[in-house]
């Protein structure tokens, strides 16, 4: 293999790695937005990827843990004028047998996600 082919292959490899990295950051990376704990349970709310461009939806993932083990998770969409998700977009309400996570966005009505704390 001559030197020119090796250089071209090296450049293509670097470009493929860079494209994969940016694709991961834009579409799949989970960024922790907020947490809430109560009696051995914990809710973690993540923003998944980046908001859709321009002024689009923000994908989020809500996970419920008990003593460090994941029990449940649910993907939701936040309609917030293309802004990143922040702690102000979520309210967590712990009740006797469930937790209610309310999502707030500028372009949506409040949306409740409920997880039972005991049983299935």
N, C-alpha and C. Protein backbone atom coordinates (compact mmCIF):
# COMPACT_ATOMS: atom_id res chain seq x y z
N UNK A 1 0.86 -1.18 0.00
CA UNK A 1 0.00 0.00 0.00
C UNK A 1 0.91 1.24 0.00
N UNK A 2 0.64 2.16 -0.88
CA UNK A 2 1.51 3.32 -0.93
C UNK A 2 1.11 4.34 0.15
N UNK A 3 1.95 5.30 0.31
CA UNK A 3 1.79 6.30 1.38
C UNK A 3 0.50 7.12 1.23
N UNK A 4 0.10 7.48 0.04
CA UNK A 4 -1.10 8.27 -0.19
C UNK A 4 -2.36 7.52 0.25
N UNK A 5 -2.43 6.24 -0.06
CA UNK A 5 -3.59 5.43 0.34
C UNK A 5 -3.67 5.34 1.86
N UNK A 6 -2.55 5.15 2.52
CA UNK A 6 -2.52 5.08 3.98
C UNK A 6 -3.00 6.39 4.61
N UNK A 7 -2.59 7.50 4.06
CA UNK A 7 -3.00 8.81 4.58
C UNK A 7 -4.50 9.01 4.39
N UNK A 8 -5.01 8.66 3.21
CA UNK A 8 -6.44 8.79 2.95
C UNK A 8 -7.24 7.91 3.90
N UNK A 9 -6.80 6.67 4.11
CA UNK A 9 -7.50 5.77 5.04
C UNK A 9 -7.46 6.30 6.48
N UNK A 10 -6.33 6.87 6.87
CA UNK A 10 -6.22 7.44 8.22
C UNK A 10 -7.18 8.62 8.39
N UNK A 11 -7.25 9.47 7.39
CA UNK A 11 -8.16 10.62 7.45
C UNK A 11 -9.61 10.14 7.51
N UNK A 12 -9.97 9.15 6.69
CA UNK A 12 -11.34 8.61 6.72
C UNK A 12 -11.67 7.99 8.08
N UNK A 13 -10.70 7.31 8.68
CA UNK A 13 -10.92 6.71 10.01
C UNK A 13 -11.17 7.79 11.06
N UNK A 14 -10.38 8.84 11.02
CA UNK A 14 -10.56 9.95 11.97
C UNK A 14 -11.93 10.61 11.77
N UNK A 15 -12.32 10.82 10.53
CA UNK A 15 -13.63 11.42 10.24
C UNK A 15 -14.77 10.51 10.72
N UNK A 16 -14.63 9.20 10.53
CA UNK A 16 -15.67 8.27 10.98
C UNK A 16 -15.79 8.27 12.50
N UNK A 17 -14.67 8.32 13.19
CA UNK A 17 -14.69 8.36 14.66
C UNK A 17 -15.31 9.67 15.14
N UNK A 18 -14.95 10.78 14.52
CA UNK A 18 -15.52 12.08 14.90
C UNK A 18 -17.02 12.11 14.64
N UNK A 19 -17.45 11.60 13.50
CA UNK A 19 -18.89 11.58 13.19
C UNK A 19 -19.64 10.71 14.19
N UNK A 20 -19.09 9.56 14.55
CA UNK A 20 -19.72 8.69 15.55
C UNK A 20 -19.83 9.36 16.91
N UNK A 21 -18.79 10.08 17.30
CA UNK A 21 -18.80 10.79 18.58
C UNK A 21 -19.90 11.86 18.60
N UNK A 22 -19.99 12.66 17.55
CA UNK A 22 -20.99 13.72 17.51
C UNK A 22 -22.41 13.16 17.39
N UNK A 23 -22.56 12.06 16.68
CA UNK A 23 -23.86 11.40 16.59
C UNK A 23 -24.30 10.90 17.95
N UNK A 24 -23.38 10.29 18.69
CA UNK A 24 -23.69 9.81 20.04
C UNK A 24 -24.10 10.98 20.94
N UNK A 25 -23.32 12.05 20.94
CA UNK A 25 -23.62 13.20 21.79
C UNK A 25 -24.96 13.82 21.43
N UNK A 26 -25.29 13.86 20.14
CA UNK A 26 -26.51 14.52 19.69
C UNK A 26 -27.76 13.67 19.87
N UNK A 27 -27.63 12.35 19.82
CA UNK A 27 -28.83 11.52 19.81
C UNK A 27 -28.98 10.57 20.99
N UNK A 28 -27.89 10.17 21.65
CA UNK A 28 -27.98 9.08 22.61
C UNK A 28 -27.47 9.38 24.01
N UNK A 29 -26.60 10.35 24.16
CA UNK A 29 -25.99 10.59 25.47
C UNK A 29 -27.05 11.01 26.49
N UNK A 30 -27.00 10.40 27.68
CA UNK A 30 -27.88 10.78 28.78
C UNK A 30 -27.19 11.80 29.66
N UNK A 31 -27.83 12.96 29.83
CA UNK A 31 -27.31 14.02 30.69
C UNK A 31 -28.25 14.14 31.88
N UNK A 32 -27.72 13.94 33.08
CA UNK A 32 -28.54 14.01 34.29
C UNK A 32 -29.08 15.43 34.48
N UNK A 33 -30.42 15.52 34.61
CA UNK A 33 -31.08 16.82 34.79
C UNK A 33 -31.37 17.05 36.26
N UNK A 34 -31.95 16.06 36.93
CA UNK A 34 -32.25 16.21 38.35
C UNK A 34 -32.50 14.85 38.98
N UNK A 35 -32.44 14.83 40.31
CA UNK A 35 -32.72 13.62 41.09
C UNK A 35 -33.62 13.98 42.26
N UNK A 36 -34.31 12.97 42.78
CA UNK A 36 -35.12 13.14 43.98
C UNK A 36 -35.12 11.82 44.72
N UNK A 37 -34.90 11.86 46.03
CA UNK A 37 -34.84 10.64 46.84
C UNK A 37 -35.92 10.66 47.91
N UNK A 38 -36.38 9.42 48.26
CA UNK A 38 -37.41 9.28 49.29
C UNK A 38 -37.43 7.84 49.78
N UNK A 39 -37.12 7.64 51.03
CA UNK A 39 -37.23 6.35 51.72
C UNK A 39 -36.65 5.18 50.92
N UNK A 40 -35.43 5.32 50.47
CA UNK A 40 -34.75 4.24 49.76
C UNK A 40 -35.00 4.23 48.25
N UNK A 41 -35.89 5.07 47.78
CA UNK A 41 -36.17 5.17 46.34
C UNK A 41 -35.49 6.43 45.81
N UNK A 42 -35.20 6.40 44.52
CA UNK A 42 -34.61 7.57 43.87
C UNK A 42 -35.16 7.68 42.45
N UNK A 43 -35.53 8.88 42.06
CA UNK A 43 -35.91 9.18 40.68
C UNK A 43 -34.76 9.97 40.06
N UNK A 44 -34.34 9.54 38.88
CA UNK A 44 -33.33 10.26 38.11
C UNK A 44 -33.94 10.64 36.77
N UNK A 45 -33.79 11.89 36.40
CA UNK A 45 -34.35 12.37 35.14
C UNK A 45 -33.18 12.82 34.25
N UNK A 46 -33.15 12.28 33.05
CA UNK A 46 -32.08 12.54 32.10
C UNK A 46 -32.62 13.21 30.84
N UNK A 47 -31.83 14.07 30.25
CA UNK A 47 -32.09 14.54 28.89
C UNK A 47 -31.32 13.60 27.98
N UNK A 48 -31.96 13.11 26.92
CA UNK A 48 -31.32 12.16 26.01
C UNK A 48 -30.96 12.90 24.72
N UNK A 49 -29.68 12.98 24.43
CA UNK A 49 -29.22 13.70 23.25
C UNK A 49 -29.42 15.19 23.39
N UNK A 50 -29.61 15.85 22.28
CA UNK A 50 -29.83 17.30 22.24
C UNK A 50 -31.25 17.56 21.77
N UNK A 51 -31.79 18.74 22.09
CA UNK A 51 -33.11 19.08 21.54
C UNK A 51 -33.08 19.08 20.02
N UNK A 52 -34.20 18.68 19.41
CA UNK A 52 -34.28 18.68 17.95
C UNK A 52 -34.11 20.11 17.44
N UNK A 53 -33.38 20.26 16.35
CA UNK A 53 -33.10 21.58 15.79
C UNK A 53 -34.10 21.90 14.70
N UNK A 54 -34.54 23.08 14.52
CA UNK A 54 -34.58 24.17 15.49
C UNK A 54 -35.90 24.16 16.25
N UNK A 55 -35.90 24.57 17.44
CA UNK A 55 -37.08 24.74 18.27
C UNK A 55 -37.91 23.47 18.39
N UNK A 56 -37.25 22.32 18.48
CA UNK A 56 -37.97 21.05 18.49
C UNK A 56 -38.11 20.45 19.88
N UNK A 57 -38.48 19.18 19.86
CA UNK A 57 -38.71 18.43 21.08
C UNK A 57 -37.40 18.11 21.79
N UNK A 58 -37.50 17.87 23.09
CA UNK A 58 -36.38 17.41 23.88
C UNK A 58 -36.75 16.04 24.44
N UNK A 59 -35.96 15.04 24.12
CA UNK A 59 -36.22 13.69 24.63
C UNK A 59 -35.65 13.57 26.03
N UNK A 60 -36.45 12.95 26.92
CA UNK A 60 -36.02 12.75 28.30
C UNK A 60 -36.29 11.30 28.70
N UNK A 61 -35.58 10.85 29.71
CA UNK A 61 -35.77 9.50 30.24
C UNK A 61 -35.86 9.61 31.76
N UNK A 62 -36.91 9.02 32.31
CA UNK A 62 -37.12 9.01 33.76
C UNK A 62 -36.86 7.60 34.26
N UNK A 63 -36.01 7.49 35.29
CA UNK A 63 -35.67 6.17 35.84
C UNK A 63 -35.96 6.16 37.34
N UNK A 64 -36.54 5.05 37.80
CA UNK A 64 -36.82 4.84 39.22
C UNK A 64 -35.88 3.76 39.74
N UNK A 65 -35.20 4.07 40.84
CA UNK A 65 -34.28 3.13 41.48
C UNK A 65 -34.75 2.84 42.90
N UNK A 66 -34.44 1.63 43.37
CA UNK A 66 -34.65 1.27 44.76
C UNK A 66 -33.35 0.68 45.27
N UNK A 67 -32.78 1.30 46.27
CA UNK A 67 -31.50 0.87 46.84
C UNK A 67 -30.43 0.64 45.77
N UNK A 68 -30.39 1.53 44.80
CA UNK A 68 -29.37 1.50 43.76
C UNK A 68 -29.69 0.63 42.55
N UNK A 69 -30.76 -0.17 42.61
CA UNK A 69 -31.14 -1.02 41.48
C UNK A 69 -32.27 -0.38 40.69
N UNK A 70 -32.13 -0.37 39.36
CA UNK A 70 -33.17 0.24 38.53
C UNK A 70 -34.41 -0.65 38.51
N UNK A 71 -35.56 -0.05 38.83
CA UNK A 71 -36.83 -0.76 38.81
C UNK A 71 -37.59 -0.52 37.50
N UNK A 72 -37.66 0.73 37.08
CA UNK A 72 -38.46 1.09 35.91
C UNK A 72 -37.83 2.30 35.22
N UNK A 73 -38.20 2.45 33.94
CA UNK A 73 -37.82 3.67 33.22
C UNK A 73 -38.86 3.95 32.16
N UNK A 74 -38.96 5.22 31.79
CA UNK A 74 -39.92 5.63 30.77
C UNK A 74 -39.33 6.80 30.00
N UNK A 75 -39.47 6.74 28.67
CA UNK A 75 -39.04 7.84 27.82
C UNK A 75 -40.22 8.78 27.61
N UNK A 76 -39.95 10.08 27.68
CA UNK A 76 -40.98 11.09 27.45
C UNK A 76 -40.41 12.16 26.52
N UNK A 77 -41.29 12.99 25.99
CA UNK A 77 -40.90 14.11 25.14
C UNK A 77 -41.31 15.40 25.82
N UNK A 78 -40.38 16.32 25.91
CA UNK A 78 -40.62 17.62 26.51
C UNK A 78 -40.75 18.65 25.38
N UNK A 79 -41.86 19.34 25.33
CA UNK A 79 -42.08 20.38 24.31
C UNK A 79 -41.75 21.73 24.96
N UNK A 80 -40.54 22.18 24.72
CA UNK A 80 -40.04 23.35 25.44
C UNK A 80 -39.30 24.30 24.51
N UNK A 81 -39.82 24.52 23.31
CA UNK A 81 -39.28 25.50 22.37
C UNK A 81 -37.81 25.27 22.04
N UNK A 82 -37.40 24.00 21.98
CA UNK A 82 -36.03 23.68 21.60
C UNK A 82 -34.99 23.89 22.68
N UNK A 83 -35.43 24.16 23.89
CA UNK A 83 -34.49 24.39 24.98
C UNK A 83 -34.09 23.07 25.62
N UNK A 84 -32.92 23.06 26.25
CA UNK A 84 -32.50 21.87 26.98
C UNK A 84 -33.36 21.71 28.22
N UNK A 85 -33.50 20.47 28.67
CA UNK A 85 -34.27 20.18 29.88
C UNK A 85 -33.48 20.65 31.10
N UNK A 86 -34.20 21.24 32.06
CA UNK A 86 -33.59 21.66 33.31
C UNK A 86 -34.45 21.17 34.47
N UNK A 87 -33.96 21.34 35.66
CA UNK A 87 -34.68 20.92 36.86
C UNK A 87 -36.04 21.61 36.97
N UNK A 88 -36.15 22.84 36.44
CA UNK A 88 -37.41 23.58 36.50
C UNK A 88 -38.51 22.95 35.65
N UNK A 89 -38.15 22.03 34.74
CA UNK A 89 -39.13 21.38 33.88
C UNK A 89 -39.80 20.17 34.55
N UNK A 90 -39.41 19.85 35.78
CA UNK A 90 -39.92 18.65 36.43
C UNK A 90 -40.26 18.90 37.89
N UNK A 91 -41.37 18.31 38.33
CA UNK A 91 -41.76 18.32 39.73
C UNK A 91 -41.96 16.86 40.15
N UNK A 92 -41.33 16.45 41.23
CA UNK A 92 -41.45 15.08 41.72
C UNK A 92 -42.27 15.11 43.00
N UNK A 93 -43.34 14.32 43.03
CA UNK A 93 -44.23 14.25 44.18
C UNK A 93 -44.27 12.81 44.69
N UNK A 94 -43.74 12.61 45.90
CA UNK A 94 -43.72 11.28 46.51
C UNK A 94 -45.03 11.08 47.28
N UNK A 95 -45.70 9.99 46.95
CA UNK A 95 -46.93 9.64 47.66
C UNK A 95 -46.73 8.30 48.34
N UNK A 96 -47.76 7.83 49.05
CA UNK A 96 -47.61 6.62 49.86
C UNK A 96 -47.18 5.41 49.03
N UNK A 97 -47.83 5.16 47.89
CA UNK A 97 -47.53 3.96 47.12
C UNK A 97 -47.06 4.25 45.70
N UNK A 98 -46.81 5.52 45.38
CA UNK A 98 -46.35 5.85 44.04
C UNK A 98 -45.58 7.15 44.06
N UNK A 99 -44.88 7.38 42.97
CA UNK A 99 -44.21 8.67 42.76
C UNK A 99 -44.76 9.23 41.46
N UNK A 100 -45.05 10.53 41.46
CA UNK A 100 -45.59 11.21 40.29
C UNK A 100 -44.58 12.26 39.85
N UNK A 101 -44.14 12.14 38.60
CA UNK A 101 -43.21 13.10 38.03
C UNK A 101 -43.99 13.93 37.01
N UNK A 102 -44.09 15.22 37.25
CA UNK A 102 -44.83 16.11 36.35
C UNK A 102 -43.83 16.88 35.49
N UNK A 103 -44.04 16.80 34.17
CA UNK A 103 -43.18 17.50 33.21
C UNK A 103 -43.87 18.79 32.80
N UNK A 104 -43.09 19.87 32.77
CA UNK A 104 -43.60 21.19 32.38
C UNK A 104 -42.79 21.70 31.20
N UNK A 105 -43.46 22.17 30.17
CA UNK A 105 -42.78 22.76 29.03
C UNK A 105 -43.55 23.96 28.53
N UNK A 106 -42.86 24.85 27.82
CA UNK A 106 -43.50 26.07 27.33
C UNK A 106 -44.58 25.79 26.29
N UNK A 107 -44.46 24.67 25.58
CA UNK A 107 -45.40 24.38 24.49
C UNK A 107 -46.25 23.14 24.78
N UNK A 108 -46.47 22.83 26.04
CA UNK A 108 -47.24 21.64 26.38
C UNK A 108 -47.97 21.85 27.70
N UNK A 109 -49.03 21.09 27.87
CA UNK A 109 -49.68 21.07 29.17
C UNK A 109 -48.88 20.14 30.06
N UNK A 110 -49.01 20.32 31.36
CA UNK A 110 -48.28 19.46 32.29
C UNK A 110 -48.62 18.00 32.01
N UNK A 111 -47.59 17.14 32.08
CA UNK A 111 -47.76 15.72 31.78
C UNK A 111 -47.24 14.93 32.97
N UNK A 112 -48.08 14.02 33.51
CA UNK A 112 -47.71 13.21 34.67
C UNK A 112 -47.23 11.83 34.25
N UNK A 113 -46.13 11.41 34.86
CA UNK A 113 -45.62 10.04 34.73
C UNK A 113 -45.65 9.45 36.12
N UNK A 114 -46.28 8.28 36.28
CA UNK A 114 -46.42 7.64 37.59
C UNK A 114 -45.70 6.30 37.60
N UNK A 115 -45.04 6.05 38.73
CA UNK A 115 -44.42 4.75 38.99
C UNK A 115 -44.90 4.25 40.33
N UNK A 116 -45.37 3.00 40.37
CA UNK A 116 -45.73 2.38 41.65
C UNK A 116 -44.45 2.08 42.42
N UNK A 117 -44.51 2.23 43.72
CA UNK A 117 -43.33 2.01 44.53
C UNK A 117 -43.18 0.58 45.01
N UNK A 118 -44.27 -0.16 45.09
CA UNK A 118 -44.22 -1.55 45.57
C UNK A 118 -44.88 -2.44 44.55
N UNK A 119 -44.39 -3.67 44.45
CA UNK A 119 -44.99 -4.63 43.51
C UNK A 119 -44.55 -4.35 42.09
N UNK A 120 -45.33 -4.86 41.15
CA UNK A 120 -45.01 -4.67 39.73
C UNK A 120 -45.44 -3.32 39.34
